[in-house]
Amino acid sequence: MNVIYNSEQYSVVEFGVDDDCDALRFGGYEIMDKPAKREIFIAGALAELFRRDVKNLIVTEPSVEEIDDFLGNYDSFMSQPVAFH
């Protein structure tokens, strides 16, 4: 796993492709909304779309605010509370 983005609002962790694990066949991403203390894990086709959209966003050299706005599109899907171990 690799932290690919970290701001005051969001953190994104990328999980590499793992052919031995069906959930990570295409890799995956954990997106965490820090203030709301909730997260989502995306894998499969949604992870591929996320990866594509992130690559397109990076080309525009976005500000932190623009990246956070992009990640905010996933807020309505974040239902998993963050658990610290």
PDB file of N, CA and C in Angstrom:
ATOM      1  N   MET A   1       0.839  -1.170   0.000  1.00  0.00           N
ATOM      2  CA  MET A   1       0.000   0.000   0.000  1.00  0.00           C
ATOM      3  C   MET A   1       0.882   1.230   0.000  1.00  0.00           C
ATOM      4  N   ASN A   2       0.332   2.304  -0.568  1.00  0.00           N
ATOM      5  CA  ASN A   2       1.109   3.525  -0.765  1.00  0.00           C
ATOM      6  C   ASN A   2       0.171   4.728  -0.610  1.00  0.00           C
ATOM      7  N   VAL A   3       0.539   5.655   0.279  1.00  0.00           N
ATOM      8  CA  VAL A   3      -0.247   6.880   0.427  1.00  0.00           C
ATOM      9  C   VAL A   3       0.037   7.743  -0.803  1.00  0.00           C
ATOM     10  N   ILE A   4      -1.002   8.018  -1.600  1.00  0.00           N
ATOM     11  CA  ILE A   4      -0.793   8.796  -2.820  1.00  0.00           C
ATOM     12  C   ILE A   4      -1.302  10.226  -2.677  1.00  0.00           C
ATOM     13  N   TYR A   5      -2.066  10.498  -1.611  1.00  0.00           N
ATOM     14  CA  TYR A   5      -2.554  11.863  -1.391  1.00  0.00           C
ATOM     15  C   TYR A   5      -2.876  12.024   0.081  1.00  0.00           C
ATOM     16  N   ASN A   6      -2.530  13.201   0.602  1.00  0.00           N
ATOM     17  CA  ASN A   6      -2.794  13.484   2.002  1.00  0.00           C
ATOM     18  C   ASN A   6      -2.942  14.990   2.179  1.00  0.00           C
ATOM     19  N   SER A   7      -4.149  15.421   2.564  1.00  0.00           N
ATOM     20  CA  SER A   7      -4.399  16.828   2.856  1.00  0.00           C
ATOM     21  C   SER A   7      -5.087  16.899   4.216  1.00  0.00           C
ATOM     22  N   GLU A   8      -5.476  18.085   4.619  1.00  0.00           N
ATOM     23  CA  GLU A   8      -6.205  18.207   5.880  1.00  0.00           C
ATOM     24  C   GLU A   8      -7.573  17.536   5.778  1.00  0.00           C
ATOM     25  N   GLN A   9      -8.140  17.476   4.584  1.00  0.00           N
ATOM     26  CA  GLN A   9      -9.487  16.935   4.382  1.00  0.00           C
ATOM     27  C   GLN A   9      -9.486  15.442   4.047  1.00  0.00           C
ATOM     28  N   TYR A  10      -8.602  15.016   3.148  1.00  0.00           N
ATOM     29  CA  TYR A  10      -8.644  13.646   2.632  1.00  0.00           C
ATOM     30  C   TYR A  10      -7.279  12.973   2.665  1.00  0.00           C
ATOM     31  N   SER A  11      -7.348  11.650   2.700  1.00  0.00           N
ATOM     32  CA  SER A  11      -6.174  10.810   2.525  1.00  0.00           C
ATOM     33  C   SER A  11      -6.570   9.705   1.557  1.00  0.00           C
ATOM     34  N   VAL A  12      -5.666   9.368   0.634  1.00  0.00           N
ATOM     35  CA  VAL A  12      -5.931   8.300  -0.328  1.00  0.00           C
ATOM     36  C   VAL A  12      -4.764   7.319  -0.282  1.00  0.00           C
ATOM     37  N   VAL A  13      -5.096   6.054  -0.079  1.00  0.00           N
ATOM     38  CA  VAL A  13      -4.099   4.983  -0.060  1.00  0.00           C
ATOM     39  C   VAL A  13      -4.366   4.074  -1.241  1.00  0.00           C
ATOM     40  N   GLU A  14      -3.312   3.795  -1.989  1.00  0.00           N
ATOM     41  CA  GLU A  14      -3.418   2.894  -3.142  1.00  0.00           C
ATOM     42  C   GLU A  14      -2.920   1.512  -2.742  1.00  0.00           C
ATOM     43  N   PHE A  15      -3.695   0.502  -3.073  1.00  0.00           N
ATOM     44  CA  PHE A  15      -3.314  -0.885  -2.857  1.00  0.00           C
ATOM     45  C   PHE A  15      -2.985  -1.480  -4.215  1.00  0.00           C
ATOM     46  N   GLY A  16      -1.823  -2.077  -4.336  1.00  0.00           N
ATOM     47  CA  GLY A  16      -1.371  -2.618  -5.614  1.00  0.00           C
ATOM     48  C   GLY A  16      -2.167  -3.826  -6.066  1.00  0.00           C
ATOM     49  N   VAL A  17      -1.980  -4.179  -7.301  1.00  0.00           N
ATOM     50  CA  VAL A  17      -2.630  -5.347  -7.887  1.00  0.00           C
ATOM     51  C   VAL A  17      -2.117  -6.596  -7.181  1.00  0.00           C
ATOM     52  N   ASP A  18      -3.050  -7.477  -6.842  1.00  0.00           N
ATOM     53  CA  ASP A  18      -2.713  -8.747  -6.198  1.00  0.00           C
ATOM     54  C   ASP A  18      -3.543  -9.835  -6.876  1.00  0.00           C
ATOM     55  N   ASP A  19      -2.910 -10.574  -7.770  1.00  0.00           N
ATOM     56  CA  ASP A  19      -3.626 -11.606  -8.529  1.00  0.00           C
ATOM     57  C   ASP A  19      -4.155 -12.731  -7.649  1.00  0.00           C
ATOM     58  N   ASP A  20      -3.598 -12.887  -6.441  1.00  0.00           N
ATOM     59  CA  ASP A  20      -4.049 -13.931  -5.530  1.00  0.00           C
ATOM     60  C   ASP A  20      -5.268 -13.509  -4.705  1.00  0.00           C
ATOM     61  N   CYS A  21      -5.646 -12.251  -4.792  1.00  0.00           N
ATOM     62  CA  CYS A  21      -6.785 -11.724  -4.029  1.00  0.00           C
ATOM     63  C   CYS A  21      -7.780 -11.126  -5.014  1.00  0.00           C
ATOM     64  N   ASP A  22      -8.954 -11.737  -5.116  1.00  0.00           N
ATOM     65  CA  ASP A  22      -9.932 -11.290  -6.109  1.00  0.00           C
ATOM     66  C   ASP A  22     -10.289  -9.815  -5.942  1.00  0.00           C
ATOM     67  N   ALA A  23     -10.402  -9.341  -4.695  1.00  0.00           N
ATOM     68  CA  ALA A  23     -10.772  -7.935  -4.447  1.00  0.00           C
ATOM     69  C   ALA A  23      -9.712  -6.969  -4.966  1.00  0.00           C
ATOM     70  N   LEU A  24      -8.469  -7.431  -5.084  1.00  0.00           N
ATOM     71  CA  LEU A  24      -7.388  -6.548  -5.544  1.00  0.00           C
ATOM     72  C   LEU A  24      -6.858  -6.940  -6.922  1.00  0.00           C
ATOM     73  N   ARG A  25      -7.659  -7.634  -7.675  1.00  0.00           N
ATOM     74  CA  ARG A  25      -7.228  -8.062  -9.021  1.00  0.00           C
ATOM     75  C   ARG A  25      -6.817  -6.875  -9.879  1.00  0.00           C
ATOM     76  N   PHE A  26      -7.484  -5.715  -9.674  1.00  0.00           N
ATOM     77  CA  PHE A  26      -7.142  -4.494 -10.403  1.00  0.00           C
ATOM     78  C   PHE A  26      -6.528  -3.446  -9.481  1.00  0.00           C
ATOM     79  N   GLY A  27      -6.191  -3.844  -8.271  1.00  0.00           N
ATOM     80  CA  GLY A  27      -5.729  -2.882  -7.277  1.00  0.00           C
ATOM     81  C   GLY A  27      -6.940  -2.246  -6.608  1.00  0.00           C
ATOM     82  N   GLY A  28      -6.677  -1.334  -5.702  1.00  0.00           N
ATOM     83  CA  GLY A  28      -7.782  -0.688  -5.017  1.00  0.00           C
ATOM     84  C   GLY A  28      -7.335   0.596  -4.350  1.00  0.00           C
ATOM     85  N   TYR A  29      -8.307   1.348  -3.857  1.00  0.00           N
ATOM     86  CA  TYR A  29      -8.040   2.633  -3.217  1.00  0.00           C
ATOM     87  C   TYR A  29      -8.921   2.782  -1.982  1.00  0.00           C
ATOM     88  N   GLU A  30      -8.328   3.278  -0.934  1.00  0.00           N
ATOM     89  CA  GLU A  30      -9.068   3.655   0.258  1.00  0.00           C
ATOM     90  C   GLU A  30      -9.054   5.174   0.310  1.00  0.00           C
ATOM     91  N   ILE A  31     -10.240   5.772   0.313  1.00  0.00           N
ATOM     92  CA  ILE A  31     -10.378   7.225   0.384  1.00  0.00           C
ATOM     93  C   ILE A  31     -10.978   7.546   1.744  1.00  0.00           C
ATOM     94  N   MET A  32     -10.295   8.386   2.507  1.00  0.00           N
ATOM     95  CA  MET A  32     -10.759   8.729   3.838  1.00  0.00           C
ATOM     96  C   MET A  32     -11.037  10.220   3.946  1.00  0.00           C
ATOM     97  N   ASP A  33     -12.220  10.545   4.436  1.00  0.00           N
ATOM     98  CA  ASP A  33     -12.598  11.916   4.767  1.00  0.00           C
ATOM     99  C   ASP A  33     -12.238  12.089   6.240  1.00  0.00           C
ATOM    100  N   LYS A  34     -11.153  12.799   6.513  1.00  0.00           N
ATOM    101  CA  LYS A  34     -10.642  12.903   7.873  1.00  0.00           C
ATOM    102  C   LYS A  34     -11.592  13.588   8.846  1.00  0.00           C
ATOM    103  N   PRO A  35     -12.118  14.786   8.519  1.00  0.00           N
ATOM    104  CA  PRO A  35     -13.008  15.450   9.481  1.00  0.00           C
ATOM    105  C   PRO A  35     -14.284  14.647   9.783  1.00  0.00           C
ATOM    106  N   ALA A  36     -14.818  13.965   8.789  1.00  0.00           N
ATOM    107  CA  ALA A  36     -16.044  13.185   8.978  1.00  0.00           C
ATOM    108  C   ALA A  36     -15.758  11.798   9.562  1.00  0.00           C
ATOM    109  N   LYS A  37     -14.479  11.410   9.574  1.00  0.00           N
ATOM    110  CA  LYS A  37     -14.052  10.098  10.088  1.00  0.00           C
ATOM    111  C   LYS A  37     -14.821   8.956   9.427  1.00  0.00           C
ATOM    112  N   ARG A  38     -14.809   8.991   8.099  1.00  0.00           N
ATOM    113  CA  ARG A  38     -15.447   7.933   7.327  1.00  0.00           C
ATOM    114  C   ARG A  38     -14.607   7.654   6.094  1.00  0.00           C
ATOM    115  N   GLU A  39     -14.836   6.500   5.498  1.00  0.00           N
ATOM    116  CA  GLU A  39     -14.002   6.081   4.381  1.00  0.00           C
ATOM    117  C   GLU A  39     -14.769   5.180   3.435  1.00  0.00           C
ATOM    118  N   ILE A  40     -14.125   4.935   2.311  1.00  0.00           N
ATOM    119  CA  ILE A  40     -14.638   3.978   1.328  1.00  0.00           C
ATOM    120  C   ILE A  40     -13.428   3.259   0.734  1.00  0.00           C
ATOM    121  N   PHE A  41     -13.610   1.974   0.438  1.00  0.00           N
ATOM    122  CA  PHE A  41     -12.610   1.211  -0.295  1.00  0.00           C
ATOM    123  C   PHE A  41     -13.217   0.886  -1.641  1.00  0.00           C
ATOM    124  N   ILE A  42     -12.499   1.227  -2.699  1.00  0.00           N
ATOM    125  CA  ILE A  42     -12.978   0.924  -4.044  1.00  0.00           C
ATOM    126  C   ILE A  42     -11.999  -0.017  -4.724  1.00  0.00           C
ATOM    127  N   ALA A  43     -12.535  -0.951  -5.457  1.00  0.00           N
ATOM    128  CA  ALA A  43     -11.717  -1.943  -6.160  1.00  0.00           C
ATOM    129  C   ALA A  43     -12.381  -2.249  -7.491  1.00  0.00           C
ATOM    130  N   GLY A  44     -11.758  -3.093  -8.253  1.00  0.00           N
ATOM    131  CA  GLY A  44     -12.330  -3.543  -9.519  1.00  0.00           C
ATOM    132  C   GLY A  44     -12.497  -2.423 -10.527  1.00  0.00           C
ATOM    133  N   ALA A  45     -13.626  -2.461 -11.219  1.00  0.00           N
ATOM    134  CA  ALA A  45     -13.890  -1.493 -12.283  1.00  0.00           C
ATOM    135  C   ALA A  45     -13.914  -0.060 -11.751  1.00  0.00           C
ATOM    136  N   LEU A  46     -14.465   0.135 -10.559  1.00  0.00           N
ATOM    137  CA  LEU A  46     -14.496   1.485  -9.985  1.00  0.00           C
ATOM    138  C   LEU A  46     -13.083   1.990  -9.697  1.00  0.00           C
ATOM    139  N   ALA A  47     -12.204   1.104  -9.263  1.00  0.00           N
ATOM    140  CA  ALA A  47     -10.807   1.488  -9.032  1.00  0.00           C
ATOM    141  C   ALA A  47     -10.135   1.883 -10.346  1.00  0.00           C
ATOM    142  N   GLU A  48     -10.436   1.171 -11.408  1.00  0.00           N
ATOM    143  CA  GLU A  48      -9.864   1.517 -12.718  1.00  0.00           C
ATOM    144  C   GLU A  48     -10.353   2.894 -13.172  1.00  0.00           C
ATOM    145  N   LEU A  49     -11.641   3.180 -12.974  1.00  0.00           N
ATOM    146  CA  LEU A  49     -12.175   4.500 -13.330  1.00  0.00           C
ATOM    147  C   LEU A  49     -11.550   5.595 -12.470  1.00  0.00           C
ATOM    148  N   PHE A  50     -11.397   5.325 -11.188  1.00  0.00           N
ATOM    149  CA  PHE A  50     -10.769   6.287 -10.285  1.00  0.00           C
ATOM    150  C   PHE A  50      -9.338   6.580 -10.737  1.00  0.00           C
ATOM    151  N   ARG A  51      -8.588   5.535 -11.048  1.00  0.00           N
ATOM    152  CA  ARG A  51      -7.199   5.677 -11.512  1.00  0.00           C
ATOM    153  C   ARG A  51      -7.140   6.537 -12.772  1.00  0.00           C
ATOM    154  N   ARG A  52      -8.036   6.281 -13.710  1.00  0.00           N
ATOM    155  CA  ARG A  52      -8.087   7.072 -14.952  1.00  0.00           C
ATOM    156  C   ARG A  52      -8.404   8.530 -14.658  1.00  0.00           C
ATOM    157  N   ASP A  53      -9.409   8.758 -13.829  1.00  0.00           N
ATOM    158  CA  ASP A  53      -9.798  10.130 -13.499  1.00  0.00           C
ATOM    159  C   ASP A  53      -8.690  10.878 -12.753  1.00  0.00           C
ATOM    160  N   VAL A  54      -7.975  10.183 -11.885  1.00  0.00           N
ATOM    161  CA  VAL A  54      -6.860  10.810 -11.167  1.00  0.00           C
ATOM    162  C   VAL A  54      -5.751  11.180 -12.142  1.00  0.00           C
ATOM    163  N   LYS A  55      -5.439  10.288 -13.071  1.00  0.00           N
ATOM    164  CA  LYS A  55      -4.412  10.599 -14.077  1.00  0.00           C
ATOM    165  C   LYS A  55      -4.807  11.831 -14.887  1.00  0.00           C
ATOM    166  N   ASN A  56      -6.064  11.914 -15.278  1.00  0.00           N
ATOM    167  CA  ASN A  56      -6.539  13.085 -16.028  1.00  0.00           C
ATOM    168  C   ASN A  56      -6.479  14.350 -15.179  1.00  0.00           C
ATOM    169  N   LEU A  57      -6.781  14.239 -13.910  1.00  0.00           N
ATOM    170  CA  LEU A  57      -6.724  15.384 -13.012  1.00  0.00           C
ATOM    171  C   LEU A  57      -5.290  15.869 -12.815  1.00  0.00           C
ATOM    172  N   ILE A  58      -4.366  14.955 -12.655  1.00  0.00           N
ATOM    173  CA  ILE A  58      -2.961  15.312 -12.418  1.00  0.00           C
ATOM    174  C   ILE A  58      -2.388  16.110 -13.580  1.00  0.00           C
ATOM    175  N   VAL A  59      -2.807  15.787 -14.789  1.00  0.00           N
ATOM    176  CA  VAL A  59      -2.323  16.490 -15.980  1.00  0.00           C
ATOM    177  C   VAL A  59      -2.610  17.994 -15.896  1.00  0.00           C
ATOM    178  N   THR A  60      -3.703  18.357 -15.206  1.00  0.00           N
ATOM    179  CA  THR A  60      -4.099  19.767 -15.106  1.00  0.00           C
ATOM    180  C   THR A  60      -3.334  20.524 -14.021  1.00  0.00           C
ATOM    181  N   GLU A  61      -2.448  19.816 -13.306  1.00  0.00           N
ATOM    182  CA  GLU A  61      -1.685  20.395 -12.190  1.00  0.00           C
ATOM    183  C   GLU A  61      -2.621  21.098 -11.202  1.00  0.00           C
ATOM    184  N   PRO A  62      -3.542  20.323 -10.601  1.00  0.00           N
ATOM    185  CA  PRO A  62      -4.572  20.900  -9.743  1.00  0.00           C
ATOM    186  C   PRO A  62      -4.025  21.393  -8.408  1.00  0.00           C
ATOM    187  N   SER A  63      -4.760  22.313  -7.811  1.00  0.00           N
ATOM    188  CA  SER A  63      -4.439  22.780  -6.458  1.00  0.00           C
ATOM    189  C   SER A  63      -4.975  21.748  -5.457  1.00  0.00           C
ATOM    190  N   VAL A  64      -4.575  21.883  -4.212  1.00  0.00           N
ATOM    191  CA  VAL A  64      -5.087  21.011  -3.161  1.00  0.00           C
ATOM    192  C   VAL A  64      -6.608  21.117  -3.096  1.00  0.00           C
ATOM    193  N   GLU A  65      -7.122  22.322  -3.234  1.00  0.00           N
ATOM    194  CA  GLU A  65      -8.574  22.526  -3.191  1.00  0.00           C
ATOM    195  C   GLU A  65      -9.281  21.789  -4.326  1.00  0.00           C
ATOM    196  N   GLU A  66      -8.681  21.804  -5.520  1.00  0.00           N
ATOM    197  CA  GLU A  66      -9.283  21.107  -6.656  1.00  0.00           C
ATOM    198  C   GLU A  66      -9.259  19.593  -6.459  1.00  0.00           C
ATOM    199  N   ILE A  67      -8.180  19.086  -5.886  1.00  0.00           N
ATOM    200  CA  ILE A  67      -8.107  17.647  -5.608  1.00  0.00           C
ATOM    201  C   ILE A  67      -9.140  17.268  -4.551  1.00  0.00           C
ATOM    202  N   ASP A  68      -9.229  18.081  -3.491  1.00  0.00           N
ATOM    203  CA  ASP A  68     -10.225  17.812  -2.452  1.00  0.00           C
ATOM    204  C   ASP A  68     -11.640  17.874  -3.021  1.00  0.00           C
ATOM    205  N   ASP A  69     -11.903  18.805  -3.923  1.00  0.00           N
ATOM    206  CA  ASP A  69     -13.221  18.880  -4.574  1.00  0.00           C
ATOM    207  C   ASP A  69     -13.500  17.600  -5.368  1.00  0.00           C
ATOM    208  N   PHE A  70     -12.492  17.120  -6.089  1.00  0.00           N
ATOM    209  CA  PHE A  70     -12.630  15.875  -6.844  1.00  0.00           C
ATOM    210  C   PHE A  70     -12.945  14.714  -5.898  1.00  0.00           C
ATOM    211  N   LEU A  71     -12.202  14.606  -4.811  1.00  0.00           N
ATOM    212  CA  LEU A  71     -12.435  13.524  -3.860  1.00  0.00           C
ATOM    213  C   LEU A  71     -13.792  13.664  -3.172  1.00  0.00           C
ATOM    214  N   GLY A  72     -14.275  14.891  -3.052  1.00  0.00           N
ATOM    215  CA  GLY A  72     -15.589  15.130  -2.476  1.00  0.00           C
ATOM    216  C   GLY A  72     -16.710  14.462  -3.253  1.00  0.00           C
ATOM    217  N   ASN A  73     -16.451  14.135  -4.517  1.00  0.00           N
ATOM    218  CA  ASN A  73     -17.449  13.411  -5.310  1.00  0.00           C
ATOM    219  C   ASN A  73     -17.744  12.026  -4.738  1.00  0.00           C
ATOM    220  N   TYR A  74     -16.861  11.525  -3.889  1.00  0.00           N
ATOM    221  CA  TYR A  74     -17.027  10.203  -3.290  1.00  0.00           C
ATOM    222  C   TYR A  74     -17.641  10.273  -1.893  1.00  0.00           C
ATOM    223  N   ASP A  75     -17.897  11.475  -1.383  1.00  0.00           N
ATOM    224  CA  ASP A  75     -18.431  11.631  -0.027  1.00  0.00           C
ATOM    225  C   ASP A  75     -19.718  10.842   0.194  1.00  0.00           C
ATOM    226  N   SER A  76     -20.616  10.882  -0.761  1.00  0.00           N
ATOM    227  CA  SER A  76     -21.909  10.215  -0.565  1.00  0.00           C
ATOM    228  C   SER A  76     -21.784   8.693  -0.492  1.00  0.00           C
ATOM    229  N   PHE A  77     -20.648   8.149  -0.941  1.00  0.00           N
ATOM    230  CA  PHE A  77     -20.423   6.708  -0.887  1.00  0.00           C
ATOM    231  C   PHE A  77     -19.702   6.282   0.383  1.00  0.00           C
ATOM    232  N   MET A  78     -19.186   7.242   1.126  1.00  0.00           N
ATOM    233  CA  MET A  78     -18.405   6.917   2.317  1.00  0.00           C
ATOM    234  C   MET A  78     -19.329   6.663   3.502  1.00  0.00           C
ATOM    235  N   SER A  79     -19.538   5.399   3.779  1.00  0.00           N
ATOM    236  CA  SER A  79     -20.420   5.037   4.884  1.00  0.00           C
ATOM    237  C   SER A  79     -19.689   4.276   5.980  1.00  0.00           C
ATOM    238  N   GLN A  80     -18.471   3.858   5.682  1.00  0.00           N
ATOM    239  CA  GLN A  80     -17.688   3.073   6.637  1.00  0.00           C
ATOM    240  C   GLN A  80     -17.000   4.022   7.619  1.00  0.00           C
ATOM    241  N   PRO A  81     -17.279   3.885   8.924  1.00  0.00           N
ATOM    242  CA  PRO A  81     -16.571   4.745   9.883  1.00  0.00           C
ATOM    243  C   PRO A  81     -15.098   4.351   9.955  1.00  0.00           C
ATOM    244  N   VAL A  82     -14.242   5.324  10.176  1.00  0.00           N
ATOM    245  CA  VAL A  82     -12.811   5.067  10.303  1.00  0.00           C
ATOM    246  C   VAL A  82     -12.564   4.454  11.675  1.00  0.00           C
ATOM    247  N   ALA A  83     -11.826   3.358  11.690  1.00  0.00           N
ATOM    248  CA  ALA A  83     -11.466   2.696  12.950  1.00  0.00           C
ATOM    249  C   ALA A  83      -9.957   2.737  13.098  1.00  0.00           C
ATOM    250  N   PHE A  84      -9.503   3.296  14.184  1.00  0.00           N
ATOM    251  CA  PHE A  84      -8.070   3.341  14.440  1.00  0.00           C
ATOM    252  C   PHE A  84      -7.685   2.155  15.312  1.00  0.00           C
ATOM    253  N   HIS A  85      -6.595   1.499  14.946  1.00  0.00           N
ATOM    254  CA  HIS A  85      -6.139   0.308  15.695  1.00  0.00           C
ATOM    255  C   HIS A  85      -4.852   0.623  16.411  1.00  0.00           C
TER     256      HIS A  85
END
